[in-house]
């Protein structure tokens, strides 16, 4: 089930990191968090890579309408176009925050 990002409450701020589509974990908004079952044997290597990625960049969790949502970092490799777009987004954020090109000393 997908939701419009503008309707989400308590969602973490924007990020330059690419995330997958949000997944609903719980309807209660608290208590137990959903856990994945054991992966099929052929996906064990992919699961290890995703576990490593999630340990470096933990998934975002937020609530919306009493439901707990989780958004994992996308394991899909970036394309050349993705990198160019990311560079443009970074430049825009640096201008917005009035970042200096050199340090203060």
PDB file of N, CA and C in Angstrom:
ATOM      1  N   UNK A   1       0.852  -1.181   0.000  1.00  0.00           N
ATOM      2  CA  UNK A   1       0.000   0.000   0.000  1.00  0.00           C
ATOM      3  C   UNK A   1       0.891   1.234   0.000  1.00  0.00           C
ATOM      4  N   UNK A   2       0.628   2.161  -0.926  1.00  0.00           N
ATOM      5  CA  UNK A   2       1.428   3.370  -1.042  1.00  0.00           C
ATOM      6  C   UNK A   2       0.623   4.566  -0.556  1.00  0.00           C
ATOM      7  N   UNK A   3       1.335   5.583  -0.070  1.00  0.00           N
ATOM      8  CA  UNK A   3       0.677   6.797   0.424  1.00  0.00           C
ATOM      9  C   UNK A   3       1.316   8.005  -0.248  1.00  0.00           C
ATOM     10  N   UNK A   4       0.571   9.090  -0.327  1.00  0.00           N
ATOM     11  CA  UNK A   4       1.093  10.343  -0.835  1.00  0.00           C
ATOM     12  C   UNK A   4       2.037  10.914   0.216  1.00  0.00           C
ATOM     13  N   UNK A   5       3.298  11.189  -0.143  1.00  0.00           N
ATOM     14  CA  UNK A   5       4.261  11.680   0.851  1.00  0.00           C
ATOM     15  C   UNK A   5       3.826  12.965   1.546  1.00  0.00           C
ATOM     16  N   UNK A   6       3.007  13.808   0.902  1.00  0.00           N
ATOM     17  CA  UNK A   6       2.584  15.058   1.529  1.00  0.00           C
ATOM     18  C   UNK A   6       1.600  14.827   2.666  1.00  0.00           C
ATOM     19  N   UNK A   7       0.938  13.655   2.699  1.00  0.00           N
ATOM     20  CA  UNK A   7      -0.029  13.362   3.746  1.00  0.00           C
ATOM     21  C   UNK A   7       0.626  12.759   4.989  1.00  0.00           C
ATOM     22  N   UNK A   8       1.901  12.424   4.920  1.00  0.00           N
ATOM     23  CA  UNK A   8       2.554  11.696   5.998  1.00  0.00           C
ATOM     24  C   UNK A   8       2.908  12.619   7.159  1.00  0.00           C
ATOM     25  N   UNK A   9       2.703  12.101   8.368  1.00  0.00           N
ATOM     26  CA  UNK A   9       2.974  12.845   9.582  1.00  0.00           C
ATOM     27  C   UNK A   9       4.212  12.235  10.237  1.00  0.00           C
ATOM     28  N   UNK A  10       5.008  13.067  10.876  1.00  0.00           N
ATOM     29  CA  UNK A  10       6.223  12.628  11.568  1.00  0.00           C
ATOM     30  C   UNK A  10       7.224  11.970  10.628  1.00  0.00           C
ATOM     31  N   UNK A  11       7.193  12.354   9.360  1.00  0.00           N
ATOM     32  CA  UNK A  11       8.144  11.807   8.408  1.00  0.00           C
ATOM     33  C   UNK A  11       9.466  12.531   8.562  1.00  0.00           C
ATOM     34  N   UNK A  12      10.582  11.795   8.488  1.00  0.00           N
ATOM     35  CA  UNK A  12      11.887  12.448   8.581  1.00  0.00           C
ATOM     36  C   UNK A  12      12.063  13.457   7.446  1.00  0.00           C
ATOM     37  N   UNK A  13      12.970  14.391   7.649  1.00  0.00           N
ATOM     38  CA  UNK A  13      13.221  15.422   6.652  1.00  0.00           C
ATOM     39  C   UNK A  13      13.716  14.855   5.329  1.00  0.00           C
ATOM     40  N   UNK A  14      13.833  15.734   4.359  1.00  0.00           N
ATOM     41  CA  UNK A  14      14.296  15.309   3.046  1.00  0.00           C
ATOM     42  C   UNK A  14      15.748  14.869   3.107  1.00  0.00           C
ATOM     43  N   UNK A  15      16.117  14.049   2.152  1.00  0.00           N
ATOM     44  CA  UNK A  15      17.453  13.492   2.133  1.00  0.00           C
ATOM     45  C   UNK A  15      17.918  13.347   0.694  1.00  0.00           C
ATOM     46  N   UNK A  16      19.218  13.353   0.496  1.00  0.00           N
ATOM     47  CA  UNK A  16      19.767  13.092  -0.826  1.00  0.00           C
ATOM     48  C   UNK A  16      19.889  11.591  -1.076  1.00  0.00           C
ATOM     49  N   UNK A  17      19.659  10.801  -0.050  1.00  0.00           N
ATOM     50  CA  UNK A  17      19.705   9.347  -0.180  1.00  0.00           C
ATOM     51  C   UNK A  17      18.411   8.870  -0.843  1.00  0.00           C
ATOM     52  N   UNK A  18      18.541   7.941  -1.768  1.00  0.00           N
ATOM     53  CA  UNK A  18      17.370   7.417  -2.480  1.00  0.00           C
ATOM     54  C   UNK A  18      16.743   6.290  -1.652  1.00  0.00           C
ATOM     55  N   UNK A  19      15.440   6.430  -1.380  1.00  0.00           N
ATOM     56  CA  UNK A  19      14.711   5.428  -0.601  1.00  0.00           C
ATOM     57  C   UNK A  19      13.693   4.704  -1.466  1.00  0.00           C
ATOM     58  N   UNK A  20      13.372   3.466  -1.082  1.00  0.00           N
ATOM     59  CA  UNK A  20      12.310   2.709  -1.731  1.00  0.00           C
ATOM     60  C   UNK A  20      10.957   3.259  -1.305  1.00  0.00           C
ATOM     61  N   UNK A  21       9.898   2.731  -1.881  1.00  0.00           N
ATOM     62  CA  UNK A  21       8.533   3.122  -1.537  1.00  0.00           C
ATOM     63  C   UNK A  21       8.251   2.746  -0.087  1.00  0.00           C
ATOM     64  N   UNK A  22       7.568   3.610   0.681  1.00  0.00           N
ATOM     65  CA  UNK A  22       7.242   3.284   2.077  1.00  0.00           C
ATOM     66  C   UNK A  22       6.391   2.020   2.174  1.00  0.00           C
ATOM     67  N   UNK A  23       6.627   1.256   3.244  1.00  0.00           N
ATOM     68  CA  UNK A  23       5.899   0.016   3.500  1.00  0.00           C
ATOM     69  C   UNK A  23       5.197   0.148   4.841  1.00  0.00           C
ATOM     70  N   UNK A  24       3.926  -0.254   4.889  1.00  0.00           N
ATOM     71  CA  UNK A  24       3.205  -0.220   6.165  1.00  0.00           C
ATOM     72  C   UNK A  24       3.659  -1.422   7.000  1.00  0.00           C
ATOM     73  N   UNK A  25       3.979  -1.158   8.261  1.00  0.00           N
ATOM     74  CA  UNK A  25       4.481  -2.207   9.141  1.00  0.00           C
ATOM     75  C   UNK A  25       3.422  -2.612  10.160  1.00  0.00           C
ATOM     76  N   UNK A  26       2.732  -1.608  10.725  1.00  0.00           N
ATOM     77  CA  UNK A  26       1.787  -1.881  11.796  1.00  0.00           C
ATOM     78  C   UNK A  26       0.649  -0.870  11.757  1.00  0.00           C
ATOM     79  N   UNK A  27      -0.538  -1.329  12.140  1.00  0.00           N
ATOM     80  CA  UNK A  27      -1.694  -0.429  12.208  1.00  0.00           C
ATOM     81  C   UNK A  27      -1.800   0.248  13.556  1.00  0.00           C
ATOM     82  N   UNK A  28      -1.078  -0.251  14.553  1.00  0.00           N
ATOM     83  CA  UNK A  28      -1.209   0.283  15.903  1.00  0.00           C
ATOM     84  C   UNK A  28      -0.342   1.510  16.145  1.00  0.00           C
ATOM     85  N   UNK A  29       0.725   1.688  15.362  1.00  0.00           N
ATOM     86  CA  UNK A  29       1.609   2.832  15.547  1.00  0.00           C
ATOM     87  C   UNK A  29       2.620   2.621  16.660  1.00  0.00           C
ATOM     88  N   UNK A  30       2.647   1.485  17.284  1.00  0.00           N
ATOM     89  CA  UNK A  30       3.603   1.199  18.344  1.00  0.00           C
ATOM     90  C   UNK A  30       3.671  -0.291  18.576  1.00  0.00           C
ATOM     91  N   UNK A  31       4.366  -0.671  19.618  1.00  0.00           N
ATOM     92  CA  UNK A  31       4.461  -2.092  19.936  1.00  0.00           C
ATOM     93  C   UNK A  31       5.430  -2.801  19.018  1.00  0.00           C
ATOM     94  N   UNK A  32       5.091  -4.020  18.620  1.00  0.00           N
ATOM     95  CA  UNK A  32       5.969  -4.827  17.794  1.00  0.00           C
ATOM     96  C   UNK A  32       6.136  -4.226  16.406  1.00  0.00           C
ATOM     97  N   UNK A  33       7.328  -4.364  15.892  1.00  0.00           N
ATOM     98  CA  UNK A  33       7.600  -3.960  14.529  1.00  0.00           C
ATOM     99  C   UNK A  33       7.635  -5.229  13.700  1.00  0.00           C
ATOM    100  N   UNK A  34       7.175  -5.120  12.469  1.00  0.00           N
ATOM    101  CA  UNK A  34       7.176  -6.286  11.584  1.00  0.00           C
ATOM    102  C   UNK A  34       8.593  -6.705  11.272  1.00  0.00           C
ATOM    103  N   UNK A  35       8.803  -7.998  11.222  1.00  0.00           N
ATOM    104  CA  UNK A  35      10.108  -8.512  10.871  1.00  0.00           C
ATOM    105  C   UNK A  35       9.956  -9.400   9.654  1.00  0.00           C
ATOM    106  N   UNK A  36      10.973  -9.382   8.825  1.00  0.00           N
ATOM    107  CA  UNK A  36      10.954 -10.214   7.645  1.00  0.00           C
ATOM    108  C   UNK A  36      11.179 -11.668   8.050  1.00  0.00           C
ATOM    109  N   UNK A  37      10.537 -12.581   7.326  1.00  0.00           N
ATOM    110  CA  UNK A  37      10.759 -14.000   7.550  1.00  0.00           C
ATOM    111  C   UNK A  37      12.110 -14.382   6.954  1.00  0.00           C
ATOM    112  N   UNK A  38      12.437 -15.653   7.015  1.00  0.00           N
ATOM    113  CA  UNK A  38      13.689 -16.111   6.443  1.00  0.00           C
ATOM    114  C   UNK A  38      13.636 -15.982   4.929  1.00  0.00           C
ATOM    115  N   UNK A  39      14.697 -15.453   4.326  1.00  0.00           N
ATOM    116  CA  UNK A  39      14.693 -15.285   2.872  1.00  0.00           C
ATOM    117  C   UNK A  39      14.924 -16.613   2.164  1.00  0.00           C
ATOM    118  N   UNK A  40      14.464 -16.744   0.925  1.00  0.00           N
ATOM    119  CA  UNK A  40      14.772 -17.946   0.147  1.00  0.00           C
ATOM    120  C   UNK A  40      16.274 -18.078  -0.029  1.00  0.00           C
ATOM    121  N   UNK A  41      16.754 -19.284  -0.221  1.00  0.00           N
ATOM    122  CA  UNK A  41      18.188 -19.534  -0.302  1.00  0.00           C
ATOM    123  C   UNK A  41      18.852 -18.742  -1.414  1.00  0.00           C
ATOM    124  N   UNK A  42      18.215 -18.623  -2.602  1.00  0.00           N
ATOM    125  CA  UNK A  42      18.834 -17.913  -3.716  1.00  0.00           C
ATOM    126  C   UNK A  42      18.956 -16.415  -3.458  1.00  0.00           C
ATOM    127  N   UNK A  43      18.220 -15.885  -2.501  1.00  0.00           N
ATOM    128  CA  UNK A  43      18.292 -14.460  -2.202  1.00  0.00           C
ATOM    129  C   UNK A  43      19.148 -14.177  -0.972  1.00  0.00           C
ATOM    130  N   UNK A  44      19.852 -15.166  -0.460  1.00  0.00           N
ATOM    131  CA  UNK A  44      20.649 -14.978   0.757  1.00  0.00           C
ATOM    132  C   UNK A  44      21.736 -13.926   0.567  1.00  0.00           C
ATOM    133  N   UNK A  45      22.438 -13.940  -0.588  1.00  0.00           N
ATOM    134  CA  UNK A  45      23.503 -12.964  -0.833  1.00  0.00           C
ATOM    135  C   UNK A  45      22.924 -11.555  -0.920  1.00  0.00           C
ATOM    136  N   UNK A  46      21.785 -11.415  -1.594  1.00  0.00           N
ATOM    137  CA  UNK A  46      21.144 -10.104  -1.713  1.00  0.00           C
ATOM    138  C   UNK A  46      20.718  -9.621  -0.335  1.00  0.00           C
ATOM    139  N   UNK A  47      20.196 -10.514   0.491  1.00  0.00           N
ATOM    140  CA  UNK A  47      19.768 -10.163   1.831  1.00  0.00           C
ATOM    141  C   UNK A  47      20.946  -9.667   2.667  1.00  0.00           C
ATOM    142  N   UNK A  48      22.098 -10.307   2.547  1.00  0.00           N
ATOM    143  CA  UNK A  48      23.281  -9.865   3.284  1.00  0.00           C
ATOM    144  C   UNK A  48      23.689  -8.464   2.859  1.00  0.00           C
ATOM    145  N   UNK A  49      23.628  -8.198   1.548  1.00  0.00           N
ATOM    146  CA  UNK A  49      23.970  -6.858   1.062  1.00  0.00           C
ATOM    147  C   UNK A  49      22.989  -5.824   1.597  1.00  0.00           C
ATOM    148  N   UNK A  50      21.698  -6.154   1.585  1.00  0.00           N
ATOM    149  CA  UNK A  50      20.694  -5.220   2.084  1.00  0.00           C
ATOM    150  C   UNK A  50      20.832  -5.024   3.594  1.00  0.00           C
ATOM    151  N   UNK A  51      21.163  -6.089   4.323  1.00  0.00           N
ATOM    152  CA  UNK A  51      21.380  -5.962   5.767  1.00  0.00           C
ATOM    153  C   UNK A  51      22.558  -5.031   6.051  1.00  0.00           C
ATOM    154  N   UNK A  52      23.625  -5.172   5.262  1.00  0.00           N
ATOM    155  CA  UNK A  52      24.794  -4.308   5.420  1.00  0.00           C
ATOM    156  C   UNK A  52      24.419  -2.862   5.111  1.00  0.00           C
ATOM    157  N   UNK A  53      23.673  -2.651   4.030  1.00  0.00           N
ATOM    158  CA  UNK A  53      23.235  -1.312   3.653  1.00  0.00           C
ATOM    159  C   UNK A  53      22.362  -0.704   4.750  1.00  0.00           C
ATOM    160  N   UNK A  54      21.448  -1.503   5.318  1.00  0.00           N
ATOM    161  CA  UNK A  54      20.567  -1.014   6.384  1.00  0.00           C
ATOM    162  C   UNK A  54      21.325  -0.729   7.679  1.00  0.00           C
ATOM    163  N   UNK A  55      22.458  -1.392   7.884  1.00  0.00           N
ATOM    164  CA  UNK A  55      23.244  -1.101   9.085  1.00  0.00           C
ATOM    165  C   UNK A  55      23.994   0.231   8.936  1.00  0.00           C
ATOM    166  N   UNK A  56      24.359   0.578   7.706  1.00  0.00           N
ATOM    167  CA  UNK A  56      25.039   1.847   7.464  1.00  0.00           C
ATOM    168  C   UNK A  56      24.036   2.998   7.437  1.00  0.00           C
ATOM    169  N   UNK A  57      22.944   2.800   6.709  1.00  0.00           N
ATOM    170  CA  UNK A  57      21.883   3.806   6.569  1.00  0.00           C
ATOM    171  C   UNK A  57      20.578   3.181   7.021  1.00  0.00           C
ATOM    172  N   UNK A  58      20.229   3.312   8.301  1.00  0.00           N
ATOM    173  CA  UNK A  58      19.025   2.665   8.824  1.00  0.00           C
ATOM    174  C   UNK A  58      17.762   3.149   8.111  1.00  0.00           C
ATOM    175  N   UNK A  59      16.757   2.280   8.033  1.00  0.00           N
ATOM    176  CA  UNK A  59      15.504   2.690   7.397  1.00  0.00           C
ATOM    177  C   UNK A  59      14.816   3.805   8.186  1.00  0.00           C
ATOM    178  N   UNK A  60      14.068   4.634   7.468  1.00  0.00           N
ATOM    179  CA  UNK A  60      13.301   5.706   8.111  1.00  0.00           C
ATOM    180  C   UNK A  60      11.984   5.120   8.594  1.00  0.00           C
ATOM    181  N   UNK A  61      11.590   5.480   9.805  1.00  0.00           N
ATOM    182  CA  UNK A  61      10.311   5.042  10.367  1.00  0.00           C
ATOM    183  C   UNK A  61       9.515   6.272  10.751  1.00  0.00           C
ATOM    184  N   UNK A  62       8.224   6.249  10.472  1.00  0.00           N
ATOM    185  CA  UNK A  62       7.345   7.352  10.843  1.00  0.00           C
ATOM    186  C   UNK A  62       5.922   6.827  10.943  1.00  0.00           C
ATOM    187  N   UNK A  63       5.069   7.640  11.565  1.00  0.00           N
ATOM    188  CA  UNK A  63       3.669   7.252  11.721  1.00  0.00           C
ATOM    189  C   UNK A  63       2.796   8.176  10.891  1.00  0.00           C
ATOM    190  N   UNK A  64       1.697   7.609  10.426  1.00  0.00           N
ATOM    191  CA  UNK A  64       0.709   8.363   9.654  1.00  0.00           C
ATOM    192  C   UNK A  64      -0.651   7.749   9.947  1.00  0.00           C
ATOM    193  N   UNK A  65      -1.508   8.514  10.585  1.00  0.00           N
ATOM    194  CA  UNK A  65      -2.847   8.028  10.887  1.00  0.00           C
ATOM    195  C   UNK A  65      -2.851   6.806  11.796  1.00  0.00           C
ATOM    196  N   UNK A  66      -1.926   6.750  12.744  1.00  0.00           N
ATOM    197  CA  UNK A  66      -1.856   5.617  13.661  1.00  0.00           C
ATOM    198  C   UNK A  66      -1.207   4.382  13.061  1.00  0.00           C
ATOM    199  N   UNK A  67      -0.631   4.513  11.867  1.00  0.00           N
ATOM    200  CA  UNK A  67       0.035   3.384  11.214  1.00  0.00           C
ATOM    201  C   UNK A  67       1.534   3.647  11.165  1.00  0.00           C
ATOM    202  N   UNK A  68       2.310   2.604  11.384  1.00  0.00           N
ATOM    203  CA  UNK A  68       3.767   2.707  11.337  1.00  0.00           C
ATOM    204  C   UNK A  68       4.234   2.378   9.931  1.00  0.00           C
ATOM    205  N   UNK A  69       5.009   3.276   9.345  1.00  0.00           N
ATOM    206  CA  UNK A  69       5.555   3.098   8.006  1.00  0.00           C
ATOM    207  C   UNK A  69       7.073   3.013   8.080  1.00  0.00           C
ATOM    208  N   UNK A  70       7.680   2.222   7.196  1.00  0.00           N
ATOM    209  CA  UNK A  70       9.134   2.083   7.135  1.00  0.00           C
ATOM    210  C   UNK A  70       9.558   2.296   5.683  1.00  0.00           C
ATOM    211  N   UNK A  71      10.675   2.992   5.521  1.00  0.00           N
ATOM    212  CA  UNK A  71      11.219   3.244   4.198  1.00  0.00           C
ATOM    213  C   UNK A  71      12.690   2.846   4.217  1.00  0.00           C
ATOM    214  N   UNK A  72      13.032   1.817   3.432  1.00  0.00           N
ATOM    215  CA  UNK A  72      14.406   1.332   3.357  1.00  0.00           C
ATOM    216  C   UNK A  72      15.179   2.070   2.274  1.00  0.00           C
ATOM    217  N   UNK A  73      16.490   2.170   2.449  1.00  0.00           N
ATOM    218  CA  UNK A  73      17.355   2.750   1.429  1.00  0.00           C
ATOM    219  C   UNK A  73      17.309   1.839   0.214  1.00  0.00           C
ATOM    220  N   UNK A  74      17.234   2.441  -0.955  1.00  0.00           N
ATOM    221  CA  UNK A  74      17.142   1.664  -2.196  1.00  0.00           C
ATOM    222  C   UNK A  74      18.467   0.957  -2.486  1.00  0.00           C
ATOM    223  N   UNK A  75      18.427  -0.373  -2.693  1.00  0.00           N
ATOM    224  CA  UNK A  75      19.655  -1.105  -3.026  1.00  0.00           C
ATOM    225  C   UNK A  75      19.984  -1.057  -4.518  1.00  0.00           C
ATOM    226  N   UNK A  76      19.155  -0.388  -5.309  1.00  0.00           N
ATOM    227  CA  UNK A  76      19.361  -0.316  -6.747  1.00  0.00           C
ATOM    228  C   UNK A  76      20.565   0.570  -7.069  1.00  0.00           C
ATOM    229  N   UNK A  77      21.490   0.080  -7.892  1.00  0.00           N
ATOM    230  CA  UNK A  77      22.650   0.904  -8.248  1.00  0.00           C
ATOM    231  C   UNK A  77      22.222   2.176  -8.987  1.00  0.00           C
ATOM    232  N   UNK A  78      22.932   3.260  -8.746  1.00  0.00           N
ATOM    233  CA  UNK A  78      22.624   4.535  -9.387  1.00  0.00           C
ATOM    234  C   UNK A  78      23.097   4.524 -10.834  1.00  0.00           C
ATOM    235  N   UNK A  79      22.322   5.183 -11.683  1.00  0.00           N
ATOM    236  CA  UNK A  79      22.719   5.347 -13.079  1.00  0.00           C
ATOM    237  C   UNK A  79      23.473   6.664 -13.213  1.00  0.00           C
ATOM    238  N   UNK A  80      24.029   6.904 -14.377  1.00  0.00           N
ATOM    239  CA  UNK A  80      24.744   8.143 -14.639  1.00  0.00           C
ATOM    240  C   UNK A  80      23.801   9.342 -14.482  1.00  0.00           C
ATOM    241  N   UNK A  81      22.559   9.187 -14.950  1.00  0.00           N
ATOM    242  CA  UNK A  81      21.554  10.253 -14.833  1.00  0.00           C
ATOM    243  C   UNK A  81      21.223  10.511 -13.359  1.00  0.00           C
ATOM    244  N   UNK A  82      21.125   9.437 -12.547  1.00  0.00           N
ATOM    245  CA  UNK A  82      20.866   9.597 -11.113  1.00  0.00           C
ATOM    246  C   UNK A  82      21.962  10.431 -10.454  1.00  0.00           C
ATOM    247  N   UNK A  83      23.208  10.168 -10.822  1.00  0.00           N
ATOM    248  CA  UNK A  83      24.336  10.894 -10.234  1.00  0.00           C
ATOM    249  C   UNK A  83      24.304  12.365 -10.640  1.00  0.00           C
ATOM    250  N   UNK A  84      23.980  12.634 -11.901  1.00  0.00           N
ATOM    251  CA  UNK A  84      23.897  14.026 -12.363  1.00  0.00           C
ATOM    252  C   UNK A  84      22.774  14.756 -11.618  1.00  0.00           C
ATOM    253  N   UNK A  85      21.615  14.105 -11.475  1.00  0.00           N
ATOM    254  CA  UNK A  85      20.499  14.717 -10.747  1.00  0.00           C
ATOM    255  C   UNK A  85      20.848  14.949  -9.280  1.00  0.00           C
ATOM    256  N   UNK A  86      21.542  13.992  -8.678  1.00  0.00           N
ATOM    257  CA  UNK A  86      21.955  14.129  -7.282  1.00  0.00           C
ATOM    258  C   UNK A  86      22.924  15.296  -7.114  1.00  0.00           C
ATOM    259  N   UNK A  87      23.838  15.444  -8.058  1.00  0.00           N
ATOM    260  CA  UNK A  87      24.785  16.557  -8.006  1.00  0.00           C
ATOM    261  C   UNK A  87      24.049  17.895  -8.089  1.00  0.00           C
ATOM    262  N   UNK A  88      23.045  17.979  -8.963  1.00  0.00           N
ATOM    263  CA  UNK A  88      22.254  19.209  -9.083  1.00  0.00           C
ATOM    264  C   UNK A  88      21.480  19.483  -7.801  1.00  0.00           C
ATOM    265  N   UNK A  89      20.912  18.427  -7.189  1.00  0.00           N
ATOM    266  CA  UNK A  89      20.180  18.596  -5.922  1.00  0.00           C
ATOM    267  C   UNK A  89      21.108  19.075  -4.815  1.00  0.00           C
ATOM    268  N   UNK A  90      22.317  18.508  -4.771  1.00  0.00           N
ATOM    269  CA  UNK A  90      23.286  18.915  -3.759  1.00  0.00           C
ATOM    270  C   UNK A  90      23.675  20.376  -3.946  1.00  0.00           C
ATOM    271  N   UNK A  91      23.951  20.773  -5.174  1.00  0.00           N
ATOM    272  CA  UNK A  91      24.304  22.169  -5.446  1.00  0.00           C
ATOM    273  C   UNK A  91      23.175  23.107  -5.011  1.00  0.00           C
ATOM    274  N   UNK A  92      21.928  22.714  -5.284  1.00  0.00           N
ATOM    275  CA  UNK A  92      20.775  23.530  -4.894  1.00  0.00           C
ATOM    276  C   UNK A  92      20.688  23.667  -3.371  1.00  0.00           C
ATOM    277  N   UNK A  93      20.902  22.561  -2.663  1.00  0.00           N
ATOM    278  CA  UNK A  93      20.841  22.596  -1.194  1.00  0.00           C
ATOM    279  C   UNK A  93      21.976  23.446  -0.617  1.00  0.00           C
ATOM    280  N   UNK A  94      23.151  23.387  -1.224  1.00  0.00           N
ATOM    281  CA  UNK A  94      24.278  24.203  -0.754  1.00  0.00           C
ATOM    282  C   UNK A  94      23.989  25.687  -0.935  1.00  0.00           C
ATOM    283  N   UNK A  95      23.356  26.049  -2.048  1.00  0.00           N
ATOM    284  CA  UNK A  95      22.994  27.450  -2.278  1.00  0.00           C
ATOM    285  C   UNK A  95      21.934  27.883  -1.273  1.00  0.00           C
ATOM    286  N   UNK A  96      20.925  27.027  -1.035  1.00  0.00           N
ATOM    287  CA  UNK A  96      19.857  27.348  -0.085  1.00  0.00           C
ATOM    288  C   UNK A  96      20.412  27.585   1.309  1.00  0.00           C
ATOM    289  N   UNK A  97      21.411  26.809   1.682  1.00  0.00           N
ATOM    290  CA  UNK A  97      21.984  26.925   3.032  1.00  0.00           C
ATOM    291  C   UNK A  97      23.143  27.905   3.084  1.00  0.00           C
ATOM    292  N   UNK A  98      23.411  28.566   1.989  1.00  0.00           N
ATOM    293  CA  UNK A  98      24.465  29.570   1.883  1.00  0.00           C
ATOM    294  C   UNK A  98      25.823  29.014   2.316  1.00  0.00           C
ATOM    295  N   UNK A  99      26.144  27.835   1.821  1.00  0.00           N
ATOM    296  CA  UNK A  99      27.418  27.194   2.151  1.00  0.00           C
ATOM    297  C   UNK A  99      28.568  27.932   1.459  1.00  0.00           C
ATOM    298  N   UNK A 100      29.701  27.990   2.124  1.00  0.00           N
ATOM    299  CA  UNK A 100      30.886  28.640   1.573  1.00  0.00           C
ATOM    300  C   UNK A 100      31.720  27.613   0.817  1.00  0.00           C
ATOM    301  N   UNK A 101      32.442  28.093  -0.188  1.00  0.00           N
ATOM    302  CA  UNK A 101      33.297  27.194  -0.948  1.00  0.00           C
ATOM    303  C   UNK A 101      34.587  26.867  -0.213  1.00  0.00           C
ATOM    304  N   UNK A 102      34.993  27.736   0.717  1.00  0.00           N
ATOM    305  CA  UNK A 102      36.206  27.500   1.493  1.00  0.00           C
ATOM    306  C   UNK A 102      35.849  27.557   2.976  1.00  0.00           C
ATOM    307  N   UNK A 103      36.717  26.977   3.778  1.00  0.00           N
ATOM    308  CA  UNK A 103      36.497  26.964   5.219  1.00  0.00           C
ATOM    309  C   UNK A 103      36.668  28.325   5.848  1.00  0.00           C
ATOM    310  N   UNK A 104      36.428  28.417   7.138  1.00  0.00           N
ATOM    311  CA  UNK A 104      36.537  29.705   7.833  1.00  0.00           C
ATOM    312  C   UNK A 104      37.973  30.050   8.202  1.00  0.00           C
ATOM    313  N   UNK A 105      38.894  29.077   8.074  1.00  0.00           N
ATOM    314  CA  UNK A 105      40.279  29.386   8.419  1.00  0.00           C
ATOM    315  C   UNK A 105      41.216  29.148   7.257  1.00  0.00           C
TER     316      UNK A 105
END
